[in-house]
Amino acid sequence: MIRTLITYVCLLLSVAPPVEKDSQGATVRIDTDRKVIHLIFSADEAFEGAEPILQTLDNHQAKASFFLTGNCLREKKYKSIIRKIIRKGHYVGGHSDKHLLYASWDNREQSLVTPDSLTADFRQNRAELEKYGIDTSQTPYFLPPYEYYNQESVQLIESLGQTVINYTPGTGTAADYTTPDMPNYRSSQELIDHLFAYEAEKGLNGSLILIHPGTQDIRTDKLYLRLDEIIRYLKAKGYSFERL
């Protein structure tokens, strides 16, 4: 009996990919023992970059993961491209229904959404995914709205059967939402330079690299239009690109 139990535990450990988590409990690296990168794209009401992103992924025979809100899934003008993403075998998972802010920007420990409201919003997002024929029991990863959360929201979502993920800290590309009028604005070139410098210093094994597939019109410098350059450079460094 003891030998059987030990064998079973060892089997589980050998199957489960090594991961890295942040201070709030979200997974921020998956497959840390391999030169693999997981590109993730999160969208709410803006999703205008989906088509060029999909074409670039096709060109490189790369797979990626898309996390969509209910707002995005319900939008008629996006239905065709969402179905195309699914048909091509990319991961499509939840990003909340109404893009709620879970925690205060000033005090992360302060939750802004009650457990009941968060749960209802989460379940509605899953219902919208299922309308596209997605088997939500086979989509175990969830990206919180705004890529921001606290321990309470992570624990609640994971109690509902999902693994909470986020982009790998330090990769920097998530700042592609910034606009020129913001003090923290970063151009696409700055973001790319930062990402490549981070790779040179720390490596990107198992990293989750976030790029927004939709940004405000005022930001004409769209990082998603530089995706080909990013993939080519990192492929030359030996990385592969896989969906979650």
C-alpha atoms as a PDB file:
ATOM      1  CA  MET A   1       0.000   0.000   0.000  1.00  0.00           C
ATOM      2  CA  ILE A   2       2.758   2.466   0.966  1.00  0.00           C
ATOM      3  CA  ARG A   3       4.771   1.583  -2.139  1.00  0.00           C
ATOM      4  CA  THR A   4       1.691   2.124  -4.314  1.00  0.00           C
ATOM      5  CA  LEU A   5       1.047   5.521  -2.725  1.00  0.00           C
ATOM      6  CA  ILE A   6       4.657   6.604  -3.235  1.00  0.00           C
ATOM      7  CA  THR A   7       4.497   5.513  -6.883  1.00  0.00           C
ATOM      8  CA  TYR A   8       1.269   7.482  -7.398  1.00  0.00           C
ATOM      9  CA  VAL A   9       2.737  10.657  -5.847  1.00  0.00           C
ATOM     10  CA  CYS A  10       5.874  10.356  -7.972  1.00  0.00           C
ATOM     11  CA  LEU A  11       3.728   9.928 -11.079  1.00  0.00           C
ATOM     12  CA  LEU A  12       1.795  13.104 -10.262  1.00  0.00           C
ATOM     13  CA  LEU A  13       4.982  15.040  -9.700  1.00  0.00           C
ATOM     14  CA  SER A  14       6.423  13.811 -12.986  1.00  0.00           C
ATOM     15  CA  VAL A  15       3.306  14.818 -14.951  1.00  0.00           C
ATOM     16  CA  ALA A  16       2.619  18.238 -13.421  1.00  0.00           C
ATOM     17  CA  PRO A  17       4.656  20.972 -15.142  1.00  0.00           C
ATOM     18  CA  PRO A  18       6.874  23.020 -12.819  1.00  0.00           C
ATOM     19  CA  VAL A  19       5.349  26.419 -12.161  1.00  0.00           C
ATOM     20  CA  GLU A  20       6.124  29.716 -10.449  1.00  0.00           C
ATOM     21  CA  LYS A  21       3.566  31.721  -8.461  1.00  0.00           C
ATOM     22  CA  ASP A  22       3.393  35.342  -7.364  1.00  0.00           C
ATOM     23  CA  SER A  23       2.751  36.724  -3.875  1.00  0.00           C
ATOM     24  CA  GLN A  24      -1.025  36.529  -4.352  1.00  0.00           C
ATOM     25  CA  GLY A  25      -1.019  32.874  -5.421  1.00  0.00           C
ATOM     26  CA  ALA A  26      -1.443  33.299  -9.184  1.00  0.00           C
ATOM     27  CA  THR A  27       0.672  31.179 -11.527  1.00  0.00           C
ATOM     28  CA  VAL A  28       3.067  33.363 -13.534  1.00  0.00           C
ATOM     29  CA  ARG A  29       5.293  30.739 -15.171  1.00  0.00           C
ATOM     30  CA  ILE A  30       4.400  27.278 -16.473  1.00  0.00           C
ATOM     31  CA  ASP A  31       6.914  24.668 -17.717  1.00  0.00           C
ATOM     32  CA  THR A  32       9.832  26.504 -16.165  1.00  0.00           C
ATOM     33  CA  ASP A  33      12.186  23.653 -17.077  1.00  0.00           C
ATOM     34  CA  ARG A  34      11.671  24.149 -20.831  1.00  0.00           C
ATOM     35  CA  LYS A  35      12.460  26.871 -23.370  1.00  0.00           C
ATOM     36  CA  VAL A  36       8.786  27.444 -24.012  1.00  0.00           C
ATOM     37  CA  ILE A  37       6.856  30.705 -24.063  1.00  0.00           C
ATOM     38  CA  HIS A  38       3.109  31.063 -23.587  1.00  0.00           C
ATOM     39  CA  LEU A  39       1.794  34.121 -25.418  1.00  0.00           C
ATOM     40  CA  ILE A  40      -1.415  35.361 -23.791  1.00  0.00           C
ATOM     41  CA  PHE A  41      -3.831  37.934 -25.174  1.00  0.00           C
ATOM     42  CA  SER A  42      -6.544  39.498 -23.023  1.00  0.00           C
ATOM     43  CA  ALA A  43      -9.502  41.392 -24.485  1.00  0.00           C
ATOM     44  CA  ASP A  44     -12.570  43.200 -23.230  1.00  0.00           C
ATOM     45  CA  GLU A  45     -14.303  45.645 -25.564  1.00  0.00           C
ATOM     46  CA  ALA A  46     -11.278  46.298 -27.815  1.00  0.00           C
ATOM     47  CA  PHE A  47     -10.159  43.402 -30.016  1.00  0.00           C
ATOM     48  CA  GLU A  48      -9.181  45.036 -33.287  1.00  0.00           C
ATOM     49  CA  GLY A  49      -5.764  43.362 -33.375  1.00  0.00           C
ATOM     50  CA  ALA A  50      -7.085  39.803 -33.390  1.00  0.00           C
ATOM     51  CA  GLU A  51      -6.809  39.270 -37.152  1.00  0.00           C
ATOM     52  CA  PRO A  52      -3.170  40.404 -37.596  1.00  0.00           C
ATOM     53  CA  ILE A  53      -2.202  38.483 -34.452  1.00  0.00           C
ATOM     54  CA  LEU A  54      -3.812  35.323 -35.781  1.00  0.00           C
ATOM     55  CA  GLN A  55      -2.091  35.734 -39.148  1.00  0.00           C
ATOM     56  CA  THR A  56       1.309  36.126 -37.480  1.00  0.00           C
ATOM     57  CA  LEU A  57       0.715  33.034 -35.347  1.00  0.00           C
ATOM     58  CA  ASP A  58      -0.243  31.106 -38.490  1.00  0.00           C
ATOM     59  CA  ASN A  59       2.895  32.264 -40.265  1.00  0.00           C
ATOM     60  CA  HIS A  60       5.032  30.864 -37.447  1.00  0.00           C
ATOM     61  CA  GLN A  61       2.860  27.798 -36.802  1.00  0.00           C
ATOM     62  CA  ALA A  62       2.697  29.015 -33.207  1.00  0.00           C
ATOM     63  CA  LYS A  63      -0.100  28.490 -30.712  1.00  0.00           C
ATOM     64  CA  ALA A  64      -1.264  31.025 -28.148  1.00  0.00           C
ATOM     65  CA  SER A  65      -3.943  31.627 -25.531  1.00  0.00           C
ATOM     66  CA  PHE A  66      -6.741  34.187 -25.642  1.00  0.00           C
ATOM     67  CA  PHE A  67      -8.617  35.322 -22.530  1.00  0.00           C
ATOM     68  CA  LEU A  68     -11.894  37.058 -23.300  1.00  0.00           C
ATOM     69  CA  THR A  69     -14.554  38.795 -21.241  1.00  0.00           C
ATOM     70  CA  GLY A  70     -18.258  38.243 -21.697  1.00  0.00           C
ATOM     71  CA  ASN A  71     -18.385  41.745 -23.176  1.00  0.00           C
ATOM     72  CA  CYS A  72     -15.999  40.633 -25.917  1.00  0.00           C
ATOM     73  CA  LEU A  73     -17.700  37.295 -26.491  1.00  0.00           C
ATOM     74  CA  ARG A  74     -21.110  38.941 -26.895  1.00  0.00           C
ATOM     75  CA  GLU A  75     -19.924  41.576 -29.377  1.00  0.00           C
ATOM     76  CA  LYS A  76     -21.297  40.687 -32.817  1.00  0.00           C
ATOM     77  CA  LYS A  77     -18.363  42.118 -34.768  1.00  0.00           C
ATOM     78  CA  TYR A  78     -15.938  39.787 -32.962  1.00  0.00           C
ATOM     79  CA  LYS A  79     -17.890  36.541 -33.255  1.00  0.00           C
ATOM     80  CA  SER A  80     -16.328  35.491 -36.563  1.00  0.00           C
ATOM     81  CA  ILE A  81     -12.729  36.029 -35.458  1.00  0.00           C
ATOM     82  CA  ILE A  82     -13.354  34.304 -32.107  1.00  0.00           C
ATOM     83  CA  ARG A  83     -14.709  31.249 -33.923  1.00  0.00           C
ATOM     84  CA  LYS A  84     -11.642  31.340 -36.183  1.00  0.00           C
ATOM     85  CA  ILE A  85      -9.319  31.427 -33.168  1.00  0.00           C
ATOM     86  CA  ILE A  86     -11.083  28.407 -31.696  1.00  0.00           C
ATOM     87  CA  ARG A  87     -11.071  26.550 -35.017  1.00  0.00           C
ATOM     88  CA  LYS A  88      -7.308  27.009 -35.353  1.00  0.00           C
ATOM     89  CA  GLY A  89      -6.702  25.330 -32.006  1.00  0.00           C
ATOM     90  CA  HIS A  90      -5.694  28.218 -29.798  1.00  0.00           C
ATOM     91  CA  TYR A  91      -6.699  28.265 -26.135  1.00  0.00           C
ATOM     92  CA  VAL A  92      -9.728  30.440 -25.355  1.00  0.00           C
ATOM     93  CA  GLY A  93     -10.524  31.029 -21.695  1.00  0.00           C
ATOM     94  CA  GLY A  94     -12.196  33.419 -19.297  1.00  0.00           C
ATOM     95  CA  HIS A  95     -11.280  36.966 -18.333  1.00  0.00           C
ATOM     96  CA  SER A  96     -14.462  37.725 -16.296  1.00  0.00           C
ATOM     97  CA  ASP A  97     -17.827  38.734 -17.702  1.00  0.00           C
ATOM     98  CA  LYS A  98     -18.010  42.496 -17.089  1.00  0.00           C
ATOM     99  CA  HIS A  99     -14.286  43.209 -16.596  1.00  0.00           C
ATOM    100  CA  LEU A 100     -14.634  43.945 -12.893  1.00  0.00           C
ATOM    101  CA  LEU A 101     -11.826  45.373 -10.791  1.00  0.00           C
ATOM    102  CA  TYR A 102     -11.328  42.850  -7.990  1.00  0.00           C
ATOM    103  CA  ALA A 103      -9.106  44.839  -5.637  1.00  0.00           C
ATOM    104  CA  SER A 104      -8.261  48.443  -4.827  1.00  0.00           C
ATOM    105  CA  TRP A 105      -5.287  49.929  -6.671  1.00  0.00           C
ATOM    106  CA  ASP A 106      -4.320  51.748  -3.462  1.00  0.00           C
ATOM    107  CA  ASN A 107      -4.727  48.819  -1.088  1.00  0.00           C
ATOM    108  CA  ARG A 108      -4.527  45.421  -2.751  1.00  0.00           C
ATOM    109  CA  GLU A 109      -5.876  43.630   0.301  1.00  0.00           C
ATOM    110  CA  GLN A 110      -9.148  45.546  -0.026  1.00  0.00           C
ATOM    111  CA  SER A 111     -11.557  43.554  -2.184  1.00  0.00           C
ATOM    112  CA  LEU A 112     -13.955  45.599  -4.302  1.00  0.00           C
ATOM    113  CA  VAL A 113     -16.254  42.725  -5.317  1.00  0.00           C
ATOM    114  CA  THR A 114     -18.217  40.499  -2.952  1.00  0.00           C
ATOM    115  CA  PRO A 115     -17.680  36.734  -3.243  1.00  0.00           C
ATOM    116  CA  ASP A 116     -21.239  36.288  -4.532  1.00  0.00           C
ATOM    117  CA  SER A 117     -20.822  38.978  -7.204  1.00  0.00           C
ATOM    118  CA  LEU A 118     -17.448  37.651  -8.313  1.00  0.00           C
ATOM    119  CA  THR A 119     -18.817  34.103  -8.521  1.00  0.00           C
ATOM    120  CA  ALA A 120     -21.867  35.185 -10.531  1.00  0.00           C
ATOM    121  CA  ASP A 121     -19.692  37.197 -12.933  1.00  0.00           C
ATOM    122  CA  PHE A 122     -17.248  34.302 -13.312  1.00  0.00           C
ATOM    123  CA  ARG A 123     -20.031  31.821 -14.088  1.00  0.00           C
ATOM    124  CA  GLN A 124     -21.618  34.143 -16.649  1.00  0.00           C
ATOM    125  CA  ASN A 125     -18.266  34.407 -18.419  1.00  0.00           C
ATOM    126  CA  ARG A 126     -18.116  30.616 -18.599  1.00  0.00           C
ATOM    127  CA  ALA A 127     -21.665  30.513 -19.945  1.00  0.00           C
ATOM    128  CA  GLU A 128     -20.660  32.886 -22.759  1.00  0.00           C
ATOM    129  CA  LEU A 129     -17.651  30.700 -23.601  1.00  0.00           C
ATOM    130  CA  GLU A 130     -19.897  27.654 -23.776  1.00  0.00           C
ATOM    131  CA  LYS A 131     -22.073  29.375 -26.396  1.00  0.00           C
ATOM    132  CA  TYR A 132     -19.066  29.020 -28.719  1.00  0.00           C
ATOM    133  CA  GLY A 133     -18.950  25.287 -28.083  1.00  0.00           C
ATOM    134  CA  ILE A 134     -16.029  25.568 -25.658  1.00  0.00           C
ATOM    135  CA  ASP A 135     -15.937  22.801 -23.065  1.00  0.00           C
ATOM    136  CA  THR A 136     -15.099  24.878 -19.996  1.00  0.00           C
ATOM    137  CA  SER A 137     -14.194  21.747 -18.055  1.00  0.00           C
ATOM    138  CA  GLN A 138     -11.222  21.491 -20.423  1.00  0.00           C
ATOM    139  CA  THR A 139     -10.120  25.128 -20.058  1.00  0.00           C
ATOM    140  CA  PRO A 140      -8.504  25.204 -16.606  1.00  0.00           C
ATOM    141  CA  TYR A 141      -6.854  28.647 -16.739  1.00  0.00           C
ATOM    142  CA  PHE A 142      -8.398  32.010 -15.887  1.00  0.00           C
ATOM    143  CA  LEU A 143      -6.840  35.448 -16.326  1.00  0.00           C
ATOM    144  CA  PRO A 144      -8.325  38.043 -13.941  1.00  0.00           C
ATOM    145  CA  PRO A 145      -9.608  41.328 -15.379  1.00  0.00           C
ATOM    146  CA  TYR A 146      -7.033  44.136 -15.408  1.00  0.00           C
ATOM    147  CA  GLU A 147      -4.518  41.361 -14.611  1.00  0.00           C
ATOM    148  CA  TYR A 148      -5.027  42.503 -11.015  1.00  0.00           C
ATOM    149  CA  TYR A 149      -6.348  40.635  -7.972  1.00  0.00           C
ATOM    150  CA  ASN A 150      -5.578  39.711  -4.379  1.00  0.00           C
ATOM    151  CA  GLN A 151      -5.228  36.491  -2.409  1.00  0.00           C
ATOM    152  CA  GLU A 152      -8.936  36.434  -1.612  1.00  0.00           C
ATOM    153  CA  SER A 153     -10.020  36.573  -5.268  1.00  0.00           C
ATOM    154  CA  VAL A 154      -7.399  34.024  -6.323  1.00  0.00           C
ATOM    155  CA  GLN A 155      -8.547  31.572  -3.661  1.00  0.00           C
ATOM    156  CA  LEU A 156     -12.197  32.058  -4.600  1.00  0.00           C
ATOM    157  CA  ILE A 157     -11.635  31.487  -8.317  1.00  0.00           C
ATOM    158  CA  GLU A 158      -9.485  28.452  -7.665  1.00  0.00           C
ATOM    159  CA  SER A 159     -12.193  27.046  -5.381  1.00  0.00           C
ATOM    160  CA  LEU A 160     -14.431  27.216  -8.475  1.00  0.00           C
ATOM    161  CA  GLY A 161     -12.081  24.879 -10.320  1.00  0.00           C
ATOM    162  CA  GLN A 162      -9.826  27.292 -12.249  1.00  0.00           C
ATOM    163  CA  THR A 163      -6.111  28.019 -12.036  1.00  0.00           C
ATOM    164  CA  VAL A 164      -5.500  31.763 -11.867  1.00  0.00           C
ATOM    165  CA  ILE A 165      -2.673  32.938 -14.113  1.00  0.00           C
ATOM    166  CA  ASN A 166      -0.990  36.234 -14.894  1.00  0.00           C
ATOM    167  CA  TYR A 167       1.845  37.501 -17.054  1.00  0.00           C
ATOM    168  CA  THR A 168       5.377  36.917 -15.842  1.00  0.00           C
ATOM    169  CA  PRO A 169       6.552  39.920 -13.782  1.00  0.00           C
ATOM    170  CA  GLY A 170       9.378  41.855 -15.390  1.00  0.00           C
ATOM    171  CA  THR A 171       8.548  41.002 -18.995  1.00  0.00           C
ATOM    172  CA  GLY A 172       6.985  44.451 -19.387  1.00  0.00           C
ATOM    173  CA  THR A 173       4.869  43.998 -22.516  1.00  0.00           C
ATOM    174  CA  ALA A 174       1.612  44.424 -20.575  1.00  0.00           C
ATOM    175  CA  ALA A 175       2.310  48.185 -20.631  1.00  0.00           C
ATOM    176  CA  ASP A 176       1.267  48.239 -24.296  1.00  0.00           C
ATOM    177  CA  TYR A 177      -2.092  49.662 -23.157  1.00  0.00           C
ATOM    178  CA  THR A 178      -0.488  52.991 -22.214  1.00  0.00           C
ATOM    179  CA  THR A 179      -1.161  56.078 -24.307  1.00  0.00           C
ATOM    180  CA  PRO A 180       1.116  59.076 -25.074  1.00  0.00           C
ATOM    181  CA  ASP A 181      -0.757  61.302 -22.617  1.00  0.00           C
ATOM    182  CA  MET A 182       0.091  59.009 -19.681  1.00  0.00           C
ATOM    183  CA  PRO A 183       3.200  59.583 -17.524  1.00  0.00           C
ATOM    184  CA  ASN A 184       3.947  55.844 -17.658  1.00  0.00           C
ATOM    185  CA  TYR A 185       3.680  55.631 -21.456  1.00  0.00           C
ATOM    186  CA  ARG A 186       6.009  53.133 -23.101  1.00  0.00           C
ATOM    187  CA  SER A 187       6.497  52.892 -26.842  1.00  0.00           C
ATOM    188  CA  SER A 188       6.491  49.503 -28.532  1.00  0.00           C
ATOM    189  CA  GLN A 189      10.232  49.781 -29.136  1.00  0.00           C
ATOM    190  CA  GLU A 190      10.834  50.418 -25.448  1.00  0.00           C
ATOM    191  CA  LEU A 191       8.724  47.391 -24.541  1.00  0.00           C
ATOM    192  CA  ILE A 192      10.520  45.148 -27.013  1.00  0.00           C
ATOM    193  CA  ASP A 193      13.947  46.329 -25.854  1.00  0.00           C
ATOM    194  CA  HIS A 194      12.933  45.692 -22.252  1.00  0.00           C
ATOM    195  CA  LEU A 195      11.641  42.186 -23.037  1.00  0.00           C
ATOM    196  CA  PHE A 196      14.801  41.206 -24.881  1.00  0.00           C
ATOM    197  CA  ALA A 197      16.998  42.605 -22.098  1.00  0.00           C
ATOM    198  CA  TYR A 198      14.973  40.649 -19.538  1.00  0.00           C
ATOM    199  CA  GLU A 199      15.435  37.486 -21.593  1.00  0.00           C
ATOM    200  CA  ALA A 200      19.184  38.037 -21.772  1.00  0.00           C
ATOM    201  CA  GLU A 201      19.422  38.516 -18.006  1.00  0.00           C
ATOM    202  CA  LYS A 202      16.918  36.020 -16.604  1.00  0.00           C
ATOM    203  CA  GLY A 203      15.658  33.868 -19.447  1.00  0.00           C
ATOM    204  CA  LEU A 204      12.047  33.276 -20.434  1.00  0.00           C
ATOM    205  CA  ASN A 205      11.584  29.579 -19.703  1.00  0.00           C
ATOM    206  CA  GLY A 206       7.886  29.004 -19.070  1.00  0.00           C
ATOM    207  CA  SER A 207       7.062  32.699 -19.266  1.00  0.00           C
ATOM    208  CA  LEU A 208       3.587  34.046 -19.881  1.00  0.00           C
ATOM    209  CA  ILE A 209       3.993  37.096 -22.106  1.00  0.00           C
ATOM    210  CA  LEU A 210       0.947  39.336 -22.336  1.00  0.00           C
ATOM    211  CA  ILE A 211       0.107  41.501 -25.327  1.00  0.00           C
ATOM    212  CA  HIS A 212      -3.199  43.354 -25.570  1.00  0.00           C
ATOM    213  CA  PRO A 213      -5.011  42.614 -28.846  1.00  0.00           C
ATOM    214  CA  GLY A 214      -6.937  45.855 -28.541  1.00  0.00           C
ATOM    215  CA  THR A 215      -5.918  49.317 -27.321  1.00  0.00           C
ATOM    216  CA  GLN A 216      -7.247  52.857 -27.446  1.00  0.00           C
ATOM    217  CA  ASP A 217      -7.170  54.599 -30.827  1.00  0.00           C
ATOM    218  CA  ILE A 218      -4.948  57.311 -29.375  1.00  0.00           C
ATOM    219  CA  ARG A 219      -2.178  54.710 -29.156  1.00  0.00           C
ATOM    220  CA  THR A 220      -1.243  54.307 -32.809  1.00  0.00           C
ATOM    221  CA  ASP A 221       1.960  52.447 -31.915  1.00  0.00           C
ATOM    222  CA  LYS A 222       0.417  48.987 -31.529  1.00  0.00           C
ATOM    223  CA  LEU A 223       2.684  46.350 -30.010  1.00  0.00           C
ATOM    224  CA  TYR A 224       0.659  43.524 -31.554  1.00  0.00           C
ATOM    225  CA  LEU A 225       1.812  44.729 -34.988  1.00  0.00           C
ATOM    226  CA  ARG A 226       5.384  43.935 -33.863  1.00  0.00           C
ATOM    227  CA  LEU A 227       4.521  40.350 -32.874  1.00  0.00           C
ATOM    228  CA  ASP A 228       6.340  38.865 -35.870  1.00  0.00           C
ATOM    229  CA  GLU A 229       9.554  40.588 -34.806  1.00  0.00           C
ATOM    230  CA  ILE A 230       9.185  39.332 -31.239  1.00  0.00           C
ATOM    231  CA  ILE A 231       8.543  35.737 -32.266  1.00  0.00           C
ATOM    232  CA  ARG A 232      11.394  35.683 -34.798  1.00  0.00           C
ATOM    233  CA  TYR A 233      13.908  36.973 -32.270  1.00  0.00           C
ATOM    234  CA  LEU A 234      12.885  34.550 -29.523  1.00  0.00           C
ATOM    235  CA  LYS A 235      12.665  31.561 -31.869  1.00  0.00           C
ATOM    236  CA  ALA A 236      16.258  32.297 -32.855  1.00  0.00           C
ATOM    237  CA  LYS A 237      17.068  32.067 -29.132  1.00  0.00           C
ATOM    238  CA  GLY A 238      15.639  28.546 -29.075  1.00  0.00           C
ATOM    239  CA  TYR A 239      12.167  29.170 -27.655  1.00  0.00           C
ATOM    240  CA  SER A 240       8.991  27.491 -28.855  1.00  0.00           C
ATOM    241  CA  PHE A 241       5.516  29.019 -28.543  1.00  0.00           C
ATOM    242  CA  GLU A 242       2.733  26.886 -27.091  1.00  0.00           C
ATOM    243  CA  ARG A 243      -0.832  27.394 -25.912  1.00  0.00           C
ATOM    244  CA  LEU A 244      -1.749  26.686 -22.320  1.00  0.00           C
END
